[in-house]
Protein backbone atom coordinates (compact mmCIF):
# COMPACT_ATOMS: atom_id res chain seq x y z
CA MET A 1 -12.42 -38.45 3.59
CA SER A 2 -8.84 -37.15 3.62
CA GLU A 3 -8.07 -33.61 4.62
CA ILE A 4 -7.39 -31.08 1.78
CA ARG A 5 -4.27 -29.02 2.43
CA LEU A 6 -3.71 -25.64 0.93
CA ARG A 7 -0.53 -23.55 1.06
CA GLY A 8 -0.59 -19.80 1.00
CA ILE A 9 2.04 -17.03 1.17
CA THR A 10 1.86 -13.46 2.54
CA TRP A 11 4.30 -10.87 3.61
CA ASP A 12 6.20 -10.87 6.94
CA HIS A 13 4.38 -8.44 9.30
CA ARG A 14 1.79 -8.93 12.01
CA ARG A 15 -0.70 -6.95 10.01
CA ALA A 16 -0.42 -9.56 7.29
CA VAL A 17 0.20 -12.77 9.25
CA ASP A 18 -1.80 -12.46 12.44
CA PRO A 19 -5.27 -12.05 10.93
CA LEU A 20 -4.74 -15.17 8.70
CA LEU A 21 -3.61 -17.33 11.57
CA ALA A 22 -5.96 -16.08 14.16
CA THR A 23 -9.10 -16.65 12.13
CA GLN A 24 -8.14 -20.08 10.85
CA ALA A 25 -10.09 -21.78 13.60
CA MET A 26 -13.26 -19.91 12.39
CA PHE A 27 -12.72 -21.26 8.87
CA THR A 28 -11.85 -24.80 10.03
CA LYS A 29 -15.00 -25.01 12.13
CA ALA A 30 -17.07 -24.22 9.12
CA HIS A 31 -14.95 -26.24 6.69
CA PRO A 32 -13.40 -29.10 8.71
CA GLY A 33 -11.98 -30.86 5.64
CA ILE A 34 -9.70 -27.98 4.58
CA ALA A 35 -6.35 -27.03 6.26
CA ILE A 36 -4.33 -24.07 5.37
CA GLU A 37 -0.59 -23.47 5.91
CA TRP A 38 0.73 -19.90 5.58
CA SER A 39 4.28 -18.89 4.76
CA THR A 40 5.80 -15.37 4.70
CA ARG A 41 8.27 -13.28 2.65
CA PRO A 42 9.89 -9.89 3.24
CA LEU A 43 8.17 -6.75 2.08
CA HIS A 44 10.64 -6.30 -0.79
CA GLY A 45 9.62 -9.75 -2.01
CA PHE A 46 5.96 -8.85 -1.78
CA GLU A 47 6.74 -5.78 -4.00
CA PHE A 48 8.68 -7.44 -6.69
CA THR A 49 8.68 -11.32 -6.72
CA PRO A 50 6.75 -12.44 -9.89
CA ILE A 51 3.41 -13.97 -9.04
CA ALA A 52 3.81 -16.63 -11.67
CA GLU A 53 6.81 -17.81 -9.72
CA LEU A 54 4.92 -17.99 -6.47
CA ALA A 55 1.92 -19.62 -8.09
CA ARG A 56 4.02 -22.64 -8.90
CA SER A 57 4.74 -23.25 -5.24
CA PHE A 58 1.60 -22.01 -3.44
CA ASP A 59 -2.13 -22.42 -3.84
CA MET A 60 -2.98 -18.86 -2.59
CA VAL A 61 -0.92 -15.70 -2.90
CA ILE A 62 -1.45 -12.37 -1.08
CA LEU A 63 -0.42 -9.87 -3.78
CA ASP A 64 -0.09 -6.24 -4.79
CA HIS A 65 -2.46 -5.06 -7.57
CA PRO A 66 0.27 -3.77 -10.02
CA PHE A 67 0.96 -7.47 -10.86
CA CYS A 68 -2.41 -7.75 -12.51
CA GLY A 69 -1.17 -7.11 -16.02
CA ASP A 70 1.44 -9.79 -15.72
CA ILE A 71 -1.17 -12.13 -14.14
CA ALA A 72 -3.55 -11.55 -16.96
CA ALA A 73 -0.86 -12.19 -19.54
CA SER A 74 0.45 -15.36 -17.92
CA ARG A 75 -2.95 -16.68 -16.52
CA CYS A 76 -0.94 -17.87 -13.55
CA LEU A 77 -3.90 -17.17 -11.27
CA LEU A 78 -7.57 -18.10 -11.61
CA PRO A 79 -10.20 -15.31 -12.07
CA VAL A 80 -12.24 -14.85 -8.94
CA ASP A 81 -15.22 -13.02 -10.51
CA ASP A 82 -17.63 -15.66 -9.27
CA ILE A 83 -16.65 -15.01 -5.76
CA LEU A 84 -17.40 -11.32 -5.93
CA GLN A 85 -20.30 -11.21 -8.22
CA ALA A 86 -22.71 -10.78 -5.33
CA GLU A 87 -20.62 -8.07 -3.77
CA PRO A 88 -20.92 -4.54 -5.19
CA HIS A 89 -17.61 -2.65 -5.61
CA GLN A 90 -18.93 -0.30 -2.93
CA ALA A 91 -18.59 -3.12 -0.40
CA PHE A 92 -14.91 -2.45 -0.37
CA VAL A 93 -13.38 0.85 0.70
CA GLY A 94 -12.29 3.23 -2.00
CA SER A 95 -11.14 1.55 -5.19
CA SER A 96 -9.89 -1.58 -3.46
CA HIS A 97 -12.10 -3.83 -5.61
CA GLN A 98 -11.29 -2.06 -8.87
CA THR A 99 -7.59 -2.43 -8.41
CA TYR A 100 -7.82 -6.20 -9.12
CA VAL A 101 -9.99 -5.93 -12.11
CA TYR A 102 -7.87 -6.00 -15.33
CA ALA A 103 -8.46 -7.23 -18.87
CA GLY A 104 -12.05 -8.11 -18.13
CA LYS A 105 -11.35 -10.38 -15.13
CA THR A 106 -10.88 -10.03 -11.43
CA TRP A 107 -7.60 -11.54 -10.35
CA ALA A 108 -7.78 -11.36 -6.51
CA VAL A 109 -10.34 -10.63 -3.76
CA PRO A 110 -9.51 -7.51 -1.67
CA VAL A 111 -8.48 -8.49 1.86
CA ASP A 112 -6.43 -5.48 3.02
CA ALA A 113 -6.79 -1.74 2.22
CA ALA A 114 -4.19 0.95 2.39
CA CYS A 115 -2.95 4.18 0.68
CA GLN A 116 -0.43 6.83 1.49
CA VAL A 117 -1.70 8.94 4.42
CA ALA A 118 -0.06 11.05 7.10
CA VAL A 119 1.09 9.75 10.45
CA SER A 120 2.15 11.66 13.64
CA ARG A 121 3.54 11.21 17.02
CA PRO A 122 0.70 12.86 19.08
CA ASP A 123 2.81 13.42 22.16
CA LEU A 124 5.36 15.42 20.08
CA MET A 125 2.60 17.35 18.22
CA VAL A 126 1.29 18.47 21.62
CA ARG A 127 4.73 19.87 22.39
CA LEU A 128 4.56 21.94 19.26
CA GLY A 129 1.06 23.08 20.03
CA THR A 130 -0.21 22.74 16.38
CA PRO A 131 -2.74 20.59 14.68
CA ALA A 132 -1.83 18.18 11.94
CA PRO A 133 -1.26 20.02 8.60
CA SER A 134 -4.00 19.75 5.99
CA ASN A 135 -1.86 20.80 3.00
CA TRP A 136 1.86 20.95 1.89
CA ALA A 137 2.37 24.58 2.81
CA GLN A 138 1.26 23.88 6.45
CA LEU A 139 3.47 20.73 6.38
CA LEU A 140 6.59 22.84 5.63
CA GLU A 141 5.54 25.37 8.33
CA LEU A 142 5.39 22.50 10.76
CA GLY A 143 8.89 21.35 9.63
CA SER A 144 10.17 24.83 10.47
CA GLY A 145 8.49 24.88 13.80
CA ALA A 146 9.64 21.34 14.58
CA ALA A 147 13.26 22.34 13.79
CA ARG A 148 13.12 25.08 16.36
CA HIS A 149 12.29 22.54 18.98
CA GLY A 150 15.01 20.03 17.88
CA LEU A 151 12.39 17.79 16.17
CA LYS A 152 12.15 16.52 12.51
CA LEU A 153 9.60 15.53 9.94
CA ALA A 154 9.85 12.00 8.51
CA ILE A 155 9.32 10.16 5.18
CA GLY A 156 10.28 6.73 3.84
CA LEU A 157 11.80 7.11 0.39
CA ARG A 158 13.81 4.00 -0.12
CA GLY A 159 13.53 2.77 -3.73
CA VAL A 160 9.94 2.23 -4.81
CA HIS A 161 8.59 4.43 -1.96
CA SER A 162 10.29 7.45 -3.65
CA LEU A 163 8.18 6.60 -6.80
CA MET A 164 4.95 6.18 -4.85
CA THR A 165 5.31 9.58 -3.30
CA PHE A 166 6.12 11.09 -6.67
CA PHE A 167 3.03 9.37 -8.06
CA THR A 168 0.83 10.80 -5.27
CA LEU A 169 2.06 14.32 -5.62
CA CYS A 170 1.51 14.33 -9.40
CA ALA A 171 -2.02 12.84 -9.00
CA ASN A 172 -2.84 15.31 -6.29
CA ALA A 173 -1.94 18.11 -8.65
CA GLY A 174 -4.52 16.85 -11.04
CA ARG A 175 -1.91 15.62 -13.58
CA PRO A 176 -1.39 11.97 -12.69
CA CYS A 177 1.34 9.88 -14.35
CA ALA A 178 0.43 7.71 -17.32
CA THR A 179 -0.92 4.20 -16.75
CA SER A 180 -0.05 3.00 -20.29
CA PRO A 181 3.46 2.74 -21.85
CA ASP A 182 2.25 4.33 -25.10
CA GLN A 183 1.68 7.63 -23.24
CA SER A 184 4.17 10.15 -21.96
CA PHE A 185 5.06 9.16 -18.49
CA ALA A 186 4.69 12.42 -16.58
CA ASP A 187 3.62 15.98 -17.19
CA PRO A 188 6.91 17.92 -17.13
CA ASP A 189 5.56 20.81 -14.93
CA ALA A 190 3.80 18.42 -12.48
CA ALA A 191 6.92 16.24 -12.24
CA GLN A 192 9.25 19.09 -11.52
CA THR A 193 6.89 20.50 -8.88
CA ALA A 194 6.57 17.08 -7.31
CA LEU A 195 10.31 16.78 -7.06
CA GLU A 196 10.64 20.26 -5.67
CA GLN A 197 8.04 19.38 -3.01
CA MET A 198 9.91 16.17 -2.08
CA ARG A 199 13.22 17.98 -1.78
CA ALA A 200 11.64 20.62 0.39
CA LEU A 201 10.20 17.97 2.70
CA LEU A 202 13.60 16.16 2.88
CA SER A 203 15.27 19.33 4.16
CA PHE A 204 13.31 18.84 7.46
CA CYS A 205 13.84 15.01 7.68
CA PRO A 206 16.89 12.99 8.94
CA LYS A 207 19.17 11.75 6.15
CA GLU A 208 18.13 8.20 6.96
CA ALA A 209 14.80 8.85 5.36
CA LEU A 210 16.22 7.74 2.04
CA ASP A 211 16.93 4.33 3.66
CA TRP A 212 13.43 3.67 5.05
CA ASN A 213 10.45 1.81 3.63
CA SER A 214 7.00 1.98 5.05
CA ILE A 215 7.58 -0.47 7.85
CA ASP A 216 10.83 1.13 8.77
CA LEU A 217 9.18 4.53 9.00
CA HIS A 218 6.56 3.33 11.37
CA ASP A 219 9.12 1.52 13.43
CA VAL A 220 11.39 4.48 13.84
CA MET A 221 8.56 6.89 14.55
CA ALA A 222 7.38 4.63 17.41
CA ALA A 223 10.88 4.12 18.68
CA ARG A 224 12.57 7.51 18.41
CA ASP A 225 11.49 10.63 20.10
CA ASP A 226 12.42 13.28 17.49
CA LEU A 227 10.16 12.43 14.51
CA VAL A 228 6.97 14.35 14.84
CA PHE A 229 5.11 13.89 11.47
CA SER A 230 5.19 12.17 8.15
CA PRO A 231 2.87 13.36 5.30
CA ALA A 232 2.85 10.19 3.20
CA VAL A 233 3.33 6.60 4.15
CA TYR A 234 1.37 3.40 3.35
CA CYS A 235 -0.64 3.25 6.59
CA TYR A 236 -0.09 0.38 9.04
CA ALA A 237 -2.97 1.01 11.42
CA THR A 238 -1.56 -1.54 13.93
CA TYR A 239 1.05 1.09 14.99
CA ALA A 240 -1.92 3.10 16.52
CA GLU A 241 -2.81 0.24 18.90
CA ALA A 242 -2.24 0.66 22.54
CA ASP A 243 0.52 -1.99 22.81
CA GLN A 244 2.95 0.25 20.97
CA ARG A 245 5.66 2.11 22.87
CA ARG A 246 4.31 5.39 21.55
CA PRO A 247 1.11 4.84 19.67
CA LEU A 248 0.97 6.83 16.42
CA ARG A 249 -1.96 8.65 14.91
CA PHE A 250 -3.03 8.79 11.34
CA HIS A 251 -4.39 11.64 9.30
CA ASN A 252 -5.63 12.45 5.83
CA PHE A 253 -2.84 13.10 3.26
CA PRO A 254 -1.91 16.81 3.40
CA GLY A 255 -1.45 17.29 -0.34
CA PRO A 256 -0.83 20.66 -1.91
CA ARG A 257 -4.44 20.47 -3.06
CA GLY A 258 -5.97 18.54 -0.12
CA PRO A 259 -6.26 14.70 0.37
CA GLY A 260 -6.85 13.53 -3.20
CA GLY A 261 -4.59 11.49 -5.36
CA SER A 262 -2.99 9.19 -2.90
CA THR A 263 -1.52 6.12 -4.56
CA ILE A 264 -3.57 3.20 -3.41
CA GLY A 265 -1.91 0.01 -1.97
CA GLY A 266 -3.46 -2.80 0.05
CA THR A 267 -3.45 -6.49 -0.86
CA GLY A 268 -5.67 -9.04 -2.54
CA LEU A 269 -5.86 -12.92 -2.31
CA GLY A 270 -5.24 -14.68 -5.55
CA ILE A 271 -5.68 -18.42 -6.34
CA SER A 272 -2.96 -20.25 -8.29
CA ALA A 273 -3.89 -21.77 -11.65
CA HIS A 274 -1.83 -24.76 -10.51
CA CYS A 275 -3.90 -25.36 -7.43
CA ALA A 276 -4.97 -29.01 -7.14
CA HIS A 277 -8.10 -27.99 -5.14
CA PRO A 278 -9.35 -24.80 -6.67
CA ASP A 279 -12.87 -25.17 -5.18
CA SER A 280 -11.51 -25.32 -1.70
CA ALA A 281 -9.22 -22.29 -2.43
CA MET A 282 -12.20 -20.37 -3.65
CA THR A 283 -14.14 -21.27 -0.54
CA TYR A 284 -11.34 -19.75 1.54
CA ALA A 285 -11.17 -16.69 -0.65
CA ARG A 286 -14.87 -16.14 -0.25
CA TYR A 287 -14.53 -16.51 3.41
CA ALA A 288 -11.61 -14.08 3.72
CA ALA A 289 -13.56 -11.32 1.81
CA SER A 290 -16.66 -11.61 3.89
CA ALA A 291 -17.72 -8.77 6.17
CA GLU A 292 -17.61 -11.03 9.19
CA THR A 293 -14.10 -12.22 8.55
CA GLN A 294 -12.86 -8.76 7.65
CA ARG A 295 -14.02 -7.51 11.05
CA ALA A 296 -12.27 -10.37 12.64
CA PHE A 297 -9.10 -9.51 10.65
CA ALA A 298 -9.23 -6.02 12.11
CA LEU A 299 -9.33 -7.36 15.65
CA GLN A 300 -6.25 -9.29 15.04
CA HIS A 301 -4.07 -6.36 13.84
CA GLY A 302 -5.30 -6.50 10.30
CA GLN A 303 -6.33 -3.72 7.95
CA PRO A 304 -9.65 -4.67 6.40
CA ALA A 305 -10.74 -3.95 2.82
CA ARG A 306 -14.49 -4.05 3.68
CA ILE A 307 -16.19 -0.62 4.10
CA GLU A 308 -18.24 -2.06 7.02
CA ALA A 309 -15.11 -2.57 9.05
CA TRP A 310 -13.76 0.89 8.23
CA ARG A 311 -16.99 2.37 9.55
CA ASP A 312 -17.15 0.16 12.62
CA ALA A 313 -16.74 2.59 15.65
CA ALA A 314 -15.25 -0.14 17.86
CA ILE A 315 -12.64 -1.04 15.31
CA ASP A 316 -11.91 2.58 14.60
CA ALA A 317 -11.42 3.25 18.41
CA ARG A 318 -9.08 0.27 18.76
CA PHE A 319 -6.82 1.83 16.05
CA GLY A 320 -6.80 5.32 17.41
CA GLY A 321 -9.35 6.62 14.98
CA CYS A 322 -7.24 5.66 12.06
CA TYR A 323 -10.04 4.56 9.77
CA SER A 324 -12.30 7.67 10.23
CA ALA A 325 -9.33 9.92 10.04
CA THR A 326 -8.13 8.66 6.73
CA LEU A 327 -11.31 7.57 4.96
CA GLN A 328 -11.51 10.81 2.91
CA THR A 329 -8.01 10.10 1.44
CA MET A 330 -8.82 6.41 0.81
CA GLU A 331 -11.97 7.33 -1.13
CA GLN A 332 -10.00 9.66 -3.45
CA CYS A 333 -7.12 7.35 -4.32
CA TRP A 334 -5.27 6.98 -7.63
CA ILE A 335 -4.54 3.53 -9.14
CA ARG A 336 -0.99 3.22 -10.47
CA PRO A 337 -0.09 1.31 -13.70
CA ARG A 338 -0.80 -2.42 -13.92
CA PHE A 339 0.17 -3.41 -17.47
CA ALA A 340 2.36 -6.40 -18.17
CA GLY A 341 6.01 -5.41 -17.66
CA TYR A 342 5.17 -2.47 -15.39
CA LEU A 343 6.94 -3.94 -12.34
CA GLY A 344 10.36 -3.66 -14.03
CA PHE A 345 9.77 0.07 -14.38
CA GLN A 346 8.57 0.40 -10.80
CA ALA A 347 11.87 -1.00 -9.54
CA GLU A 348 13.99 1.06 -11.83
CA ALA A 349 12.10 4.30 -11.41
CA GLY A 350 12.13 4.04 -7.57
CA THR A 351 15.84 3.67 -7.63
CA LEU A 352 16.32 6.60 -10.05
CA ILE A 353 14.20 8.98 -7.93
CA GLU A 354 15.95 7.97 -4.78
CA ARG A 355 19.29 8.58 -6.44
CA HIS A 356 18.08 12.03 -7.57
CA LEU A 357 17.08 12.90 -3.97
CA ARG A 358 20.53 11.85 -2.78
CA GLY A 359 22.07 14.27 -5.28
CA ASP A 360 23.45 11.65 -7.63
CA ILE A 361 21.24 12.43 -10.73
CA ALA A 362 20.20 15.92 -12.00
CA GLN A 363 16.50 16.61 -12.34
CA GLN A 364 16.35 16.73 -16.18
CA GLU A 365 18.45 13.61 -16.52
CA LEU A 366 16.06 11.89 -14.12
CA LEU A 367 12.96 12.89 -16.07
CA ASP A 368 14.62 11.79 -19.35
CA ARG A 369 15.59 8.42 -17.86
CA LEU A 370 12.10 7.83 -16.34
CA GLN A 371 10.44 8.44 -19.73
CA LYS A 372 12.85 6.13 -21.49
CA ALA A 373 12.35 3.40 -18.87
CA PHE A 374 8.61 3.81 -19.07
CA GLU A 375 8.50 3.47 -22.89
CA SER A 376 10.82 0.43 -22.72
CA CYS A 377 8.88 -1.53 -20.04
CA GLY A 378 5.85 -1.94 -22.27
CA ARG A 379 7.78 -3.38 -25.29
CA PRO A 380 8.22 -7.11 -25.79
CA ALA A 381 11.66 -8.37 -25.33
CA GLN A 382 13.67 -8.55 -28.59
């Protein structure tokens, strides 16, 4: 019998790549007739490259859940409900499972879980003699104290990451942004308050914060010795491992109203509708979503979506207590829009908010342009 070969694509970071490569031997041992080849792409490609485009070249795609509306409209992936029918939603942390359910079908199996949480440099926090802030007022107090010691707060607000922080602050206020283009995009008062909170934070951050994405932020916090705390970043637990120059520590999101409302991220594994061997791809997807494999992913720098792995004391210890320290935030996440056409808005809105924070666009003009862009993204092209 000839070997079946499947091609998959993920994003380029050890959190994404290493778990897949390191556990291939486990899969091959159980399924010797199936071989898998993984390719990578940059984070920006992961956030914006259409899944339909990737599905023409790859059998399996590691994807972000806001693509679900486009996927449902194009049917470029196969539904995976049969894989997850024996798994309750509660088997996956927070709303990780629900994020891939759209238009009555499940379009990916959760393999990685994340949301915006806080991250600190514990050695620098000791110098300040203060615990991690639990709300925004305490965060700004920390910023003032840090400045007196020649230290700074940090945030990554490049493009889409500006939008994610805006989303999180609005949701935390109890007035989340709309998830359908036939609704008004944002409550005016909540939007203005969120922007004020972002500008206040930026006053304690280096100017480069507007050039950083999530990976950049982790990298600079581990490399530099002046960035003490960031309130909101998509967590990469691997930066808390002992092999880092300065291991980071993670905390619940210090929102103005506590840890609720963080905008969920993470990834799912989808199967191309063009796959020549869909049964084999389904076999791998079932394997990747299992509790045993998810624990193995965690031991290879991964960030599991299964709740069993998040509650595993040994895994938690390996990652500096990241999972226990952020579980409350993960369980209270908000799911951003997923309708067909949303990704165009996400790209435009992130750029607009970043430009506002740079001082290029006035606040009211920004809000007007966000509303117009949101209305337009749900309309069919003329």
